[in-house]
C-alpha atoms as a PDB file:
ATOM      1  CA  MET A   1     167.886  -3.794 282.061  1.00  0.00           C
ATOM      2  CA  ASP A   2     171.629  -4.325 281.934  1.00  0.00           C
ATOM      3  CA  ALA A   3     173.185  -7.529 283.247  1.00  0.00           C
ATOM      4  CA  VAL A   4     175.126  -6.015 286.157  1.00  0.00           C
ATOM      5  CA  ARG A   5     172.008  -4.317 287.550  1.00  0.00           C
ATOM      6  CA  LEU A   6     170.042  -7.549 287.306  1.00  0.00           C
ATOM      7  CA  ILE A   7     172.808  -9.516 288.991  1.00  0.00           C
ATOM      8  CA  VAL A   8     173.057  -6.965 291.817  1.00  0.00           C
ATOM      9  CA  THR A   9     169.268  -7.136 292.214  1.00  0.00           C
ATOM     10  CA  SER A  10     169.482 -10.933 292.414  1.00  0.00           C
ATOM     11  CA  ARG A  11     172.274 -10.783 294.992  1.00  0.00           C
ATOM     12  CA  ARG A  12     170.169  -8.491 297.185  1.00  0.00           C
ATOM     13  CA  ALA A  13     167.059 -10.641 296.793  1.00  0.00           C
ATOM     14  CA  LEU A  14     169.030 -13.787 297.646  1.00  0.00           C
ATOM     15  CA  ALA A  15     170.470 -12.145 300.766  1.00  0.00           C
ATOM     16  CA  ALA A  16     167.019 -10.960 301.856  1.00  0.00           C
ATOM     17  CA  SER A  17     165.219 -14.258 301.237  1.00  0.00           C
ATOM     18  CA  GLY A  18     163.745 -15.778 304.342  1.00  0.00           C
ATOM     19  CA  GLY A  19     162.082 -19.157 304.145  1.00  0.00           C
ATOM     20  CA  VAL A  20     163.025 -22.249 302.190  1.00  0.00           C
ATOM     21  CA  ARG A  21     160.609 -21.579 299.359  1.00  0.00           C
ATOM     22  CA  GLU A  22     161.738 -17.959 298.975  1.00  0.00           C
ATOM     23  CA  LEU A  23     165.402 -18.983 299.034  1.00  0.00           C
ATOM     24  CA  LEU A  24     164.878 -21.689 296.407  1.00  0.00           C
ATOM     25  CA  THR A  25     162.984 -19.206 294.252  1.00  0.00           C
ATOM     26  CA  GLU A  26     165.917 -16.779 294.421  1.00  0.00           C
ATOM     27  CA  VAL A  27     168.350 -19.580 293.641  1.00  0.00           C
ATOM     28  CA  TRP A  28     166.237 -20.448 290.593  1.00  0.00           C
ATOM     29  CA  GLN A  29     166.207 -16.759 289.585  1.00  0.00           C
ATOM     30  CA  ALA A  30     170.011 -16.648 289.866  1.00  0.00           C
ATOM     31  CA  GLN A  31     170.432 -19.804 287.794  1.00  0.00           C
ATOM     32  CA  ALA A  32     168.043 -18.482 285.146  1.00  0.00           C
ATOM     33  CA  LEU A  33     169.983 -15.223 285.038  1.00  0.00           C
ATOM     34  CA  ALA A  34     173.270 -17.128 284.649  1.00  0.00           C
ATOM     35  CA  GLN A  35     171.693 -19.093 281.820  1.00  0.00           C
ATOM     36  CA  ALA A  36     170.459 -15.941 280.059  1.00  0.00           C
ATOM     37  CA  THR A  37     173.820 -14.209 280.524  1.00  0.00           C
ATOM     38  CA  GLY A  38     175.662 -17.222 279.136  1.00  0.00           C
ATOM     39  CA  SER A  39     173.317 -17.319 276.174  1.00  0.00           C
ATOM     40  CA  ARG A  40     173.880 -13.648 275.458  1.00  0.00           C
ATOM     41  CA  LEU A  41     177.667 -14.047 275.767  1.00  0.00           C
ATOM     42  CA  ALA A  42     177.588 -16.999 273.386  1.00  0.00           C
ATOM     43  CA  VAL A  43     175.858 -14.873 270.754  1.00  0.00           C
ATOM     44  CA  VAL A  44     177.417 -11.413 271.119  1.00  0.00           C
ATOM     45  CA  GLY A  45     180.408 -11.909 273.412  1.00  0.00           C
ATOM     46  CA  PRO A  46     184.043 -12.234 272.446  1.00  0.00           C
ATOM     47  CA  PRO A  47     184.606 -15.323 270.273  1.00  0.00           C
ATOM     48  CA  GLU A  48     187.030 -16.918 272.756  1.00  0.00           C
ATOM     49  CA  LEU A  49     184.271 -17.017 275.393  1.00  0.00           C
ATOM     50  CA  ARG A  50     181.615 -18.729 273.311  1.00  0.00           C
ATOM     51  CA  GLY A  51     182.425 -22.327 274.249  1.00  0.00           C
ATOM     52  CA  GLU A  52     182.504 -21.585 277.966  1.00  0.00           C
ATOM     53  CA  ALA A  53     179.370 -19.450 277.639  1.00  0.00           C
ATOM     54  CA  LEU A  54     177.490 -22.354 276.054  1.00  0.00           C
ATOM     55  CA  GLY A  55     178.685 -24.578 278.900  1.00  0.00           C
ATOM     56  CA  LEU A  56     177.349 -21.997 281.360  1.00  0.00           C
ATOM     57  CA  VAL A  57     173.958 -22.091 279.615  1.00  0.00           C
ATOM     58  CA  GLU A  58     173.827 -25.866 279.977  1.00  0.00           C
ATOM     59  CA  LEU A  59     174.959 -25.958 283.611  1.00  0.00           C
ATOM     60  CA  ALA A  60     172.711 -23.132 284.779  1.00  0.00           C
ATOM     61  CA  GLY A  61     169.840 -24.780 282.922  1.00  0.00           C
ATOM     62  CA  ARG A  62     170.535 -27.965 284.868  1.00  0.00           C
ATOM     63  CA  GLY A  63     170.297 -25.975 288.105  1.00  0.00           C
ATOM     64  CA  CYS A  64     166.943 -24.541 287.030  1.00  0.00           C
ATOM     65  CA  GLY A  65     165.709 -27.968 286.002  1.00  0.00           C
ATOM     66  CA  VAL A  66     166.523 -29.542 289.357  1.00  0.00           C
ATOM     67  CA  LEU A  67     164.532 -26.856 291.141  1.00  0.00           C
ATOM     68  CA  GLY A  68     161.627 -26.712 288.714  1.00  0.00           C
ATOM     69  CA  THR A  69     160.019 -23.420 287.793  1.00  0.00           C
ATOM     70  CA  PRO A  70     158.804 -21.676 290.958  1.00  0.00           C
ATOM     71  CA  GLU A  71     155.710 -19.556 291.246  1.00  0.00           C
ATOM     72  CA  LEU A  72     156.918 -16.089 290.318  1.00  0.00           C
ATOM     73  CA  GLY A  73     155.223 -12.795 290.964  1.00  0.00           C
ATOM     74  CA  PRO A  74     153.853 -10.535 288.261  1.00  0.00           C
ATOM     75  CA  GLY A  75     157.367  -9.515 287.183  1.00  0.00           C
ATOM     76  CA  GLY A  76     158.139 -13.029 285.977  1.00  0.00           C
ATOM     77  CA  PRO A  77     161.707 -14.247 285.736  1.00  0.00           C
ATOM     78  CA  ARG A  78     164.334 -11.577 286.331  1.00  0.00           C
ATOM     79  CA  ALA A  79     166.333 -13.035 283.444  1.00  0.00           C
ATOM     80  CA  ALA A  80     163.579 -11.997 281.029  1.00  0.00           C
ATOM     81  CA  GLN A  81     164.450  -8.370 281.812  1.00  0.00           C
ATOM     82  CA  LEU A  82     167.982  -8.763 280.430  1.00  0.00           C
ATOM     83  CA  THR A  83     168.244  -6.319 277.553  1.00  0.00           C
ATOM     84  CA  GLU A  84     171.899  -5.295 277.591  1.00  0.00           C
ATOM     85  CA  LEU A  85     175.016  -7.290 278.343  1.00  0.00           C
ATOM     86  CA  GLY A  86     177.576  -4.515 278.672  1.00  0.00           C
ATOM     87  CA  GLU A  87     181.277  -5.156 279.158  1.00  0.00           C
ATOM     88  CA  PRO A  88     181.914  -8.861 279.803  1.00  0.00           C
ATOM     89  CA  ARG A  89     184.462  -8.487 282.636  1.00  0.00           C
ATOM     90  CA  PRO A  90     182.232  -6.698 285.211  1.00  0.00           C
ATOM     91  CA  VAL A  91     179.279  -8.880 284.244  1.00  0.00           C
ATOM     92  CA  LEU A  92     181.304 -12.034 284.814  1.00  0.00           C
ATOM     93  CA  MET A  93     182.800 -10.756 288.060  1.00  0.00           C
ATOM     94  CA  HIS A  94     179.345  -9.990 289.476  1.00  0.00           C
ATOM     95  CA  LEU A  95     177.901 -13.243 288.142  1.00  0.00           C
ATOM     96  CA  GLY A  96     180.713 -15.232 289.756  1.00  0.00           C
ATOM     97  CA  GLY A  97     179.944 -13.521 293.058  1.00  0.00           C
ATOM     98  CA  LEU A  98     176.242 -14.321 292.725  1.00  0.00           C
ATOM     99  CA  LEU A  99     176.920 -17.977 291.956  1.00  0.00           C
ATOM    100  CA  GLY A 100     179.257 -18.204 294.959  1.00  0.00           C
ATOM    101  CA  GLU A 101     176.553 -16.734 297.185  1.00  0.00           C
ATOM    102  CA  VAL A 102     174.045 -19.216 295.756  1.00  0.00           C
ATOM    103  CA  GLY A 103     176.337 -22.056 296.769  1.00  0.00           C
ATOM    104  CA  ILE A 104     176.781 -20.687 300.291  1.00  0.00           C
ATOM    105  CA  ALA A 105     173.034 -20.197 300.728  1.00  0.00           C
ATOM    106  CA  LEU A 106     172.352 -23.725 299.532  1.00  0.00           C
ATOM    107  CA  VAL A 107     174.936 -25.242 301.880  1.00  0.00           C
ATOM    108  CA  GLY A 108     173.164 -23.536 304.768  1.00  0.00           C
ATOM    109  CA  LEU A 109     169.813 -24.786 303.547  1.00  0.00           C
ATOM    110  CA  ALA A 110     171.094 -28.332 303.023  1.00  0.00           C
ATOM    111  CA  CYS A 111     172.553 -28.415 306.542  1.00  0.00           C
ATOM    112  CA  SER A 112     169.213 -27.461 308.042  1.00  0.00           C
ATOM    113  CA  ALA A 113     166.976 -29.453 305.675  1.00  0.00           C
ATOM    114  CA  ASP A 114     164.208 -31.369 307.410  1.00  0.00           C
ATOM    115  CA  ASP A 115     163.830 -33.900 304.634  1.00  0.00           C
ATOM    116  CA  GLU A 116     166.168 -35.902 302.476  1.00  0.00           C
ATOM    117  CA  ALA A 117     164.625 -34.698 299.194  1.00  0.00           C
ATOM    118  CA  THR A 118     165.425 -31.054 299.969  1.00  0.00           C
ATOM    119  CA  TYR A 119     168.948 -32.028 301.018  1.00  0.00           C
ATOM    120  CA  TRP A 120     169.672 -33.859 297.755  1.00  0.00           C
ATOM    121  CA  GLN A 121     168.023 -31.141 295.699  1.00  0.00           C
ATOM    122  CA  CYS A 122     170.368 -28.629 297.331  1.00  0.00           C
ATOM    123  CA  MET A 123     173.375 -30.868 296.651  1.00  0.00           C
ATOM    124  CA  GLU A 124     172.531 -31.094 292.939  1.00  0.00           C
ATOM    125  CA  VAL A 125     172.026 -27.346 292.614  1.00  0.00           C
ATOM    126  CA  ILE A 126     175.218 -26.636 294.586  1.00  0.00           C
ATOM    127  CA  ASP A 127     177.052 -28.792 292.050  1.00  0.00           C
ATOM    128  CA  ALA A 128     175.476 -26.935 289.110  1.00  0.00           C
ATOM    129  CA  ALA A 129     176.205 -23.523 290.666  1.00  0.00           C
ATOM    130  CA  ASP A 130     179.800 -24.518 291.431  1.00  0.00           C
ATOM    131  CA  GLU A 131     180.403 -25.767 287.901  1.00  0.00           C
ATOM    132  CA  SER A 132     178.728 -22.631 286.517  1.00  0.00           C
ATOM    133  CA  ARG A 133     181.045 -20.506 288.632  1.00  0.00           C
ATOM    134  CA  ASP A 134     184.006 -22.484 287.267  1.00  0.00           C
ATOM    135  CA  ARG A 135     182.885 -21.568 283.737  1.00  0.00           C
ATOM    136  CA  VAL A 136     182.634 -17.921 284.727  1.00  0.00           C
ATOM    137  CA  GLN A 137     186.140 -18.029 286.209  1.00  0.00           C
ATOM    138  CA  GLU A 138     187.471 -19.627 283.022  1.00  0.00           C
ATOM    139  CA  MET A 139     185.885 -16.871 280.925  1.00  0.00           C
ATOM    140  CA  LEU A 140     187.495 -14.249 283.165  1.00  0.00           C
ATOM    141  CA  ARG A 141     190.840 -15.996 282.715  1.00  0.00           C
ATOM    142  CA  LYS A 142     190.409 -15.958 278.936  1.00  0.00           C
ATOM    143  CA  LEU A 143     189.601 -12.250 279.029  1.00  0.00           C
ATOM    144  CA  THR A 144     192.742 -11.636 281.072  1.00  0.00           C
ATOM    145  CA  ASP A 145     194.833 -13.664 278.621  1.00  0.00           C
ATOM    146  CA  ARG A 146     193.404 -11.654 275.741  1.00  0.00           C
ATOM    147  CA  GLU A 147     194.100  -8.319 277.416  1.00  0.00           C
ATOM    148  CA  ASP A 148     197.518  -9.150 278.902  1.00  0.00           C
ATOM    149  CA  PRO A 149     199.376 -11.469 276.523  1.00  0.00           C
ATOM    150  CA  LEU A 150     202.723 -12.738 277.750  1.00  0.00           C
ATOM    151  CA  PRO A 151     205.658 -10.805 276.335  1.00  0.00           C
ATOM    152  CA  GLN A 152     207.417 -12.524 273.442  1.00  0.00           C
ATOM    153  CA  ARG A 153     210.942 -13.776 274.047  1.00  0.00           C
ATOM    154  CA  GLU A 154     213.582 -12.214 271.897  1.00  0.00           C
ATOM    155  CA  ALA A 155     215.345 -14.523 269.512  1.00  0.00           C
ATOM    156  CA  GLY A 156     218.952 -14.789 270.269  1.00  0.00           C
END
């Protein structure tokens, strides 16, 4: 499945998640998808994105690690369904939106957490999602710079 479709699916699943466990599972799914997308970009994406893409892999992996692998249904991780990257710009725009929504969902969960462990777990994953989103934004900036170079000044 292509990256944009998977990201849209993750955004819908995150929005529809109900309880704490379901929400944390969807956050894990989103982080795993960010990790897989970063990995794919590092291998087949534009060369100027590779460093940031590798950083995204590391940061999203940290988010997954904090949460631990949840019990997933028979479909397994959504990220395992990633077969096609597509154009980097729309993928990164959707991924940035997903990571922003992950952060918002986790802030809500942290504010209502009944125990300190859940609160701190949310804080760590918020940090990883925020830094991941920063990497995505930097990749979008690099794509913009590549597509719209500044005009050269005339010598004179």
